[in-house]
């Protein structure tokens, strides 16, 4: 089943909000010395996981 344009925009919105939330924590982690690439990977994983959970619930 393909998502319709409205649900696609909802997924994009959810992804943006999840990325912003994870990005705040990532910024703090990088400020304390974590590798920025590792932090970005964690942010990306967190955002995708949040959207996937949001779609199931």
PDB file of N, CA and C in Angstrom:
ATOM      1  N   UNK A   1       0.837  -1.163   0.000  1.00  0.00           N
ATOM      2  CA  UNK A   1       0.000   0.000   0.000  1.00  0.00           C
ATOM      3  C   UNK A   1       0.894   1.243   0.000  1.00  0.00           C
ATOM      4  N   UNK A   2       0.693   2.118  -0.977  1.00  0.00           N
ATOM      5  CA  UNK A   2       1.485   3.336  -1.086  1.00  0.00           C
ATOM      6  C   UNK A   2       0.841   4.444  -0.260  1.00  0.00           C
ATOM      7  N   UNK A   3       1.660   5.242   0.406  1.00  0.00           N
ATOM      8  CA  UNK A   3       1.083   6.328   1.185  1.00  0.00           C
ATOM      9  C   UNK A   3       0.537   7.418   0.276  1.00  0.00           C
ATOM     10  N   UNK A   4      -0.570   8.007   0.671  1.00  0.00           N
ATOM     11  CA  UNK A   4      -1.095   9.114  -0.110  1.00  0.00           C
ATOM     12  C   UNK A   4      -0.306  10.374   0.237  1.00  0.00           C
ATOM     13  N   UNK A   5      -0.424  11.450  -0.568  1.00  0.00           N
ATOM     14  CA  UNK A   5       0.401  12.647  -0.318  1.00  0.00           C
ATOM     15  C   UNK A   5       0.221  13.239   1.079  1.00  0.00           C
ATOM     16  N   UNK A   6      -0.982  13.168   1.629  1.00  0.00           N
ATOM     17  CA  UNK A   6      -1.186  13.730   2.961  1.00  0.00           C
ATOM     18  C   UNK A   6      -0.406  12.940   4.011  1.00  0.00           C
ATOM     19  N   UNK A   7      -0.457  11.620   3.945  1.00  0.00           N
ATOM     20  CA  UNK A   7       0.277  10.838   4.935  1.00  0.00           C
ATOM     21  C   UNK A   7       1.784  10.967   4.723  1.00  0.00           C
ATOM     22  N   UNK A   8       2.208  11.183   3.486  1.00  0.00           N
ATOM     23  CA  UNK A   8       3.632  11.389   3.215  1.00  0.00           C
ATOM     24  C   UNK A   8       4.092  12.684   3.872  1.00  0.00           C
ATOM     25  N   UNK A   9       3.277  13.727   3.794  1.00  0.00           N
ATOM     26  CA  UNK A   9       3.666  14.989   4.429  1.00  0.00           C
ATOM     27  C   UNK A   9       3.657  14.855   5.947  1.00  0.00           C
ATOM     28  N   UNK A  10       2.760  14.035   6.480  1.00  0.00           N
ATOM     29  CA  UNK A  10       2.756  13.792   7.923  1.00  0.00           C
ATOM     30  C   UNK A  10       4.033  13.091   8.356  1.00  0.00           C
ATOM     31  N   UNK A  11       4.503  12.136   7.557  1.00  0.00           N
ATOM     32  CA  UNK A  11       5.746  11.420   7.883  1.00  0.00           C
ATOM     33  C   UNK A  11       6.919  12.388   7.839  1.00  0.00           C
ATOM     34  N   UNK A  12       6.934  13.274   6.856  1.00  0.00           N
ATOM     35  CA  UNK A  12       8.021  14.256   6.761  1.00  0.00           C
ATOM     36  C   UNK A  12       7.995  15.180   7.975  1.00  0.00           C
ATOM     37  N   UNK A  13       6.805  15.592   8.379  1.00  0.00           N
ATOM     38  CA  UNK A  13       6.685  16.447   9.559  1.00  0.00           C
ATOM     39  C   UNK A  13       7.156  15.718  10.807  1.00  0.00           C
ATOM     40  N   UNK A  14       6.751  14.456  10.959  1.00  0.00           N
ATOM     41  CA  UNK A  14       7.185  13.669  12.111  1.00  0.00           C
ATOM     42  C   UNK A  14       8.699  13.515  12.119  1.00  0.00           C
ATOM     43  N   UNK A  15       9.281  13.279  10.945  1.00  0.00           N
ATOM     44  CA  UNK A  15      10.730  13.121  10.840  1.00  0.00           C
ATOM     45  C   UNK A  15      11.443  14.414  11.214  1.00  0.00           C
ATOM     46  N   UNK A  16      10.907  15.552  10.780  1.00  0.00           N
ATOM     47  CA  UNK A  16      11.521  16.836  11.108  1.00  0.00           C
ATOM     48  C   UNK A  16      11.464  17.104  12.615  1.00  0.00           C
ATOM     49  N   UNK A  17      10.317  16.845  13.228  1.00  0.00           N
ATOM     50  CA  UNK A  17      10.183  17.081  14.672  1.00  0.00           C
ATOM     51  C   UNK A  17      11.091  16.135  15.453  1.00  0.00           C
ATOM     52  N   UNK A  18      11.136  14.873  15.049  1.00  0.00           N
ATOM     53  CA  UNK A  18      11.998  13.911  15.745  1.00  0.00           C
ATOM     54  C   UNK A  18      13.466  14.286  15.588  1.00  0.00           C
ATOM     55  N   UNK A  19      13.849  14.767  14.414  1.00  0.00           N
ATOM     56  CA  UNK A  19      15.240  15.173  14.186  1.00  0.00           C
ATOM     57  C   UNK A  19      15.611  16.376  15.036  1.00  0.00           C
ATOM     58  N   UNK A  20      14.674  17.319  15.166  1.00  0.00           N
ATOM     59  CA  UNK A  20      14.957  18.485  16.009  1.00  0.00           C
ATOM     60  C   UNK A  20      15.146  18.074  17.463  1.00  0.00           C
ATOM     61  N   UNK A  21      14.295  17.183  17.941  1.00  0.00           N
ATOM     62  CA  UNK A  21      14.416  16.713  19.317  1.00  0.00           C
ATOM     63  C   UNK A  21      15.718  15.970  19.552  1.00  0.00           C
ATOM     64  N   UNK A  22      16.066  15.096  18.633  1.00  0.00           N
ATOM     65  CA  UNK A  22      17.318  14.353  18.774  1.00  0.00           C
ATOM     66  C   UNK A  22      18.520  15.262  18.571  1.00  0.00           C
ATOM     67  N   UNK A  23      18.351  16.281  17.741  1.00  0.00           N
ATOM     68  CA  UNK A  23      19.448  17.212  17.475  1.00  0.00           C
ATOM     69  C   UNK A  23      19.850  18.011  18.695  1.00  0.00           C
ATOM     70  N   UNK A  24      18.902  18.300  19.565  1.00  0.00           N
ATOM     71  CA  UNK A  24      19.222  19.027  20.798  1.00  0.00           C
ATOM     72  C   UNK A  24      20.164  18.196  21.660  1.00  0.00           C
ATOM     73  N   UNK A  25      19.836  16.925  21.810  1.00  0.00           N
ATOM     74  CA  UNK A  25      20.688  16.038  22.610  1.00  0.00           C
ATOM     75  C   UNK A  25      22.038  15.850  21.928  1.00  0.00           C
ATOM     76  N   UNK A  26      22.032  15.761  20.604  1.00  0.00           N
ATOM     77  CA  UNK A  26      23.273  15.608  19.846  1.00  0.00           C
ATOM     78  C   UNK A  26      24.184  16.818  20.044  1.00  0.00           C
ATOM     79  N   UNK A  27      23.611  17.998  20.036  1.00  0.00           N
ATOM     80  CA  UNK A  27      24.394  19.217  20.233  1.00  0.00           C
ATOM     81  C   UNK A  27      25.092  19.208  21.586  1.00  0.00           C
ATOM     82  N   UNK A  28      24.370  18.780  22.600  1.00  0.00           N
ATOM     83  CA  UNK A  28      24.966  18.702  23.940  1.00  0.00           C
ATOM     84  C   UNK A  28      26.088  17.673  23.967  1.00  0.00           C
ATOM     85  N   UNK A  29      25.870  16.525  23.307  1.00  0.00           N
ATOM     86  CA  UNK A  29      26.888  15.476  23.289  1.00  0.00           C
ATOM     87  C   UNK A  29      28.146  15.936  22.566  1.00  0.00           C
ATOM     88  N   UNK A  30      27.985  16.628  21.442  1.00  0.00           N
ATOM     89  CA  UNK A  30      29.155  17.121  20.702  1.00  0.00           C
ATOM     90  C   UNK A  30      29.877  18.188  21.520  1.00  0.00           C
ATOM     91  N   UNK A  31      29.122  19.016  22.221  1.00  0.00           N
ATOM     92  CA  UNK A  31      29.748  20.048  23.062  1.00  0.00           C
ATOM     93  C   UNK A  31      30.585  19.422  24.172  1.00  0.00           C
ATOM     94  N   UNK A  32      30.235  18.195  24.576  1.00  0.00           N
ATOM     95  CA  UNK A  32      30.994  17.526  25.629  1.00  0.00           C
ATOM     96  C   UNK A  32      32.087  16.626  25.076  1.00  0.00           C
ATOM     97  N   UNK A  33      32.281  16.657  23.745  1.00  0.00           N
ATOM     98  CA  UNK A  33      33.430  15.966  23.171  1.00  0.00           C
ATOM     99  C   UNK A  33      33.142  14.738  22.332  1.00  0.00           C
ATOM    100  N   UNK A  34      31.894  14.408  22.086  1.00  0.00           N
ATOM    101  CA  UNK A  34      31.598  13.241  21.257  1.00  0.00           C
ATOM    102  C   UNK A  34      31.922  13.544  19.801  1.00  0.00           C
ATOM    103  N   UNK A  35      32.310  12.515  19.066  1.00  0.00           N
ATOM    104  CA  UNK A  35      32.591  12.641  17.641  1.00  0.00           C
ATOM    105  C   UNK A  35      31.321  13.104  16.920  1.00  0.00           C
ATOM    106  N   UNK A  36      31.391  14.183  16.113  1.00  0.00           N
ATOM    107  CA  UNK A  36      30.200  14.684  15.427  1.00  0.00           C
ATOM    108  C   UNK A  36      29.557  13.678  14.472  1.00  0.00           C
ATOM    109  N   UNK A  37      30.346  12.853  13.805  1.00  0.00           N
ATOM    110  CA  UNK A  37      29.769  11.855  12.894  1.00  0.00           C
ATOM    111  C   UNK A  37      29.000  10.795  13.664  1.00  0.00           C
ATOM    112  N   UNK A  38      29.520  10.387  14.785  1.00  0.00           N
ATOM    113  CA  UNK A  38      28.803   9.437  15.637  1.00  0.00           C
ATOM    114  C   UNK A  38      27.499  10.059  16.128  1.00  0.00           C
ATOM    115  N   UNK A  39      27.567  11.306  16.537  1.00  0.00           N
ATOM    116  CA  UNK A  39      26.383  11.996  17.026  1.00  0.00           C
ATOM    117  C   UNK A  39      25.322  12.121  15.932  1.00  0.00           C
ATOM    118  N   UNK A  40      25.731  12.434  14.712  1.00  0.00           N
ATOM    119  CA  UNK A  40      24.776  12.536  13.603  1.00  0.00           C
ATOM    120  C   UNK A  40      24.149  11.187  13.284  1.00  0.00           C
ATOM    121  N   UNK A  41      24.940  10.132  13.374  1.00  0.00           N
ATOM    122  CA  UNK A  41      24.403   8.786  13.148  1.00  0.00           C
ATOM    123  C   UNK A  41      23.359   8.428  14.193  1.00  0.00           C
ATOM    124  N   UNK A  42      23.626   8.772  15.430  1.00  0.00           N
ATOM    125  CA  UNK A  42      22.673   8.507  16.504  1.00  0.00           C
ATOM    126  C   UNK A  42      21.408   9.337  16.292  1.00  0.00           C
ATOM    127  N   UNK A  43      21.559  10.585  15.873  1.00  0.00           N
ATOM    128  CA  UNK A  43      20.407  11.450  15.604  1.00  0.00           C
ATOM    129  C   UNK A  43      19.548  10.875  14.495  1.00  0.00           C
ATOM    130  N   UNK A  44      20.177  10.460  13.411  1.00  0.00           N
ATOM    131  CA  UNK A  44      19.436   9.894  12.281  1.00  0.00           C
ATOM    132  C   UNK A  44      18.701   8.626  12.694  1.00  0.00           C
ATOM    133  N   UNK A  45      19.376   7.750  13.414  1.00  0.00           N
ATOM    134  CA  UNK A  45      18.734   6.515  13.879  1.00  0.00           C
ATOM    135  C   UNK A  45      17.563   6.824  14.805  1.00  0.00           C
ATOM    136  N   UNK A  46      17.760   7.765  15.719  1.00  0.00           N
ATOM    137  CA  UNK A  46      16.698   8.121  16.659  1.00  0.00           C
ATOM    138  C   UNK A  46      15.484   8.694  15.951  1.00  0.00           C
ATOM    139  N   UNK A  47      15.717   9.541  14.976  1.00  0.00           N
ATOM    140  CA  UNK A  47      14.602  10.159  14.249  1.00  0.00           C
ATOM    141  C   UNK A  47      13.819   9.114  13.468  1.00  0.00           C
ATOM    142  N   UNK A  48      14.513   8.228  12.783  1.00  0.00           N
ATOM    143  CA  UNK A  48      13.836   7.183  12.009  1.00  0.00           C
ATOM    144  C   UNK A  48      13.074   6.235  12.928  1.00  0.00           C
ATOM    145  N   UNK A  49      13.696   5.867  14.030  1.00  0.00           N
ATOM    146  CA  UNK A  49      13.028   4.979  14.988  1.00  0.00           C
ATOM    147  C   UNK A  49      11.777   5.635  15.555  1.00  0.00           C
ATOM    148  N   UNK A  50      11.844   6.927  15.867  1.00  0.00           N
ATOM    149  CA  UNK A  50      10.678   7.635  16.409  1.00  0.00           C
ATOM    150  C   UNK A  50       9.534   7.668  15.407  1.00  0.00           C
ATOM    151  N   UNK A  51       9.851   7.897  14.133  1.00  0.00           N
ATOM    152  CA  UNK A  51       8.804   7.919  13.108  1.00  0.00           C
ATOM    153  C   UNK A  51       8.209   6.527  12.927  1.00  0.00           C
ATOM    154  N   UNK A  52       9.036   5.508  12.949  1.00  0.00           N
ATOM    155  CA  UNK A  52       8.522   4.140  12.796  1.00  0.00           C
ATOM    156  C   UNK A  52       7.590   3.780  13.953  1.00  0.00           C
ATOM    157  N   UNK A  53       7.969   4.125  15.161  1.00  0.00           N
ATOM    158  CA  UNK A  53       7.109   3.856  16.312  1.00  0.00           C
ATOM    159  C   UNK A  53       5.833   4.677  16.210  1.00  0.00           C
ATOM    160  N   UNK A  54       5.951   5.915  15.769  1.00  0.00           N
ATOM    161  CA  UNK A  54       4.782   6.759  15.606  1.00  0.00           C
ATOM    162  C   UNK A  54       3.798   6.210  14.579  1.00  0.00           C
ATOM    163  N   UNK A  55       4.302   5.568  13.554  1.00  0.00           N
ATOM    164  CA  UNK A  55       3.429   4.996  12.523  1.00  0.00           C
ATOM    165  C   UNK A  55       2.705   3.760  13.044  1.00  0.00           C
ATOM    166  N   UNK A  56       3.350   3.007  13.922  1.00  0.00           N
ATOM    167  CA  UNK A  56       2.729   1.793  14.463  1.00  0.00           C
ATOM    168  C   UNK A  56       1.665   2.153  15.489  1.00  0.00           C
ATOM    169  N   UNK A  57       1.962   3.148  16.300  1.00  0.00           N
ATOM    170  CA  UNK A  57       1.014   3.560  17.347  1.00  0.00           C
ATOM    171  C   UNK A  57       0.012   4.414  16.710  1.00  0.00           C
TER     172      UNK A  57
END
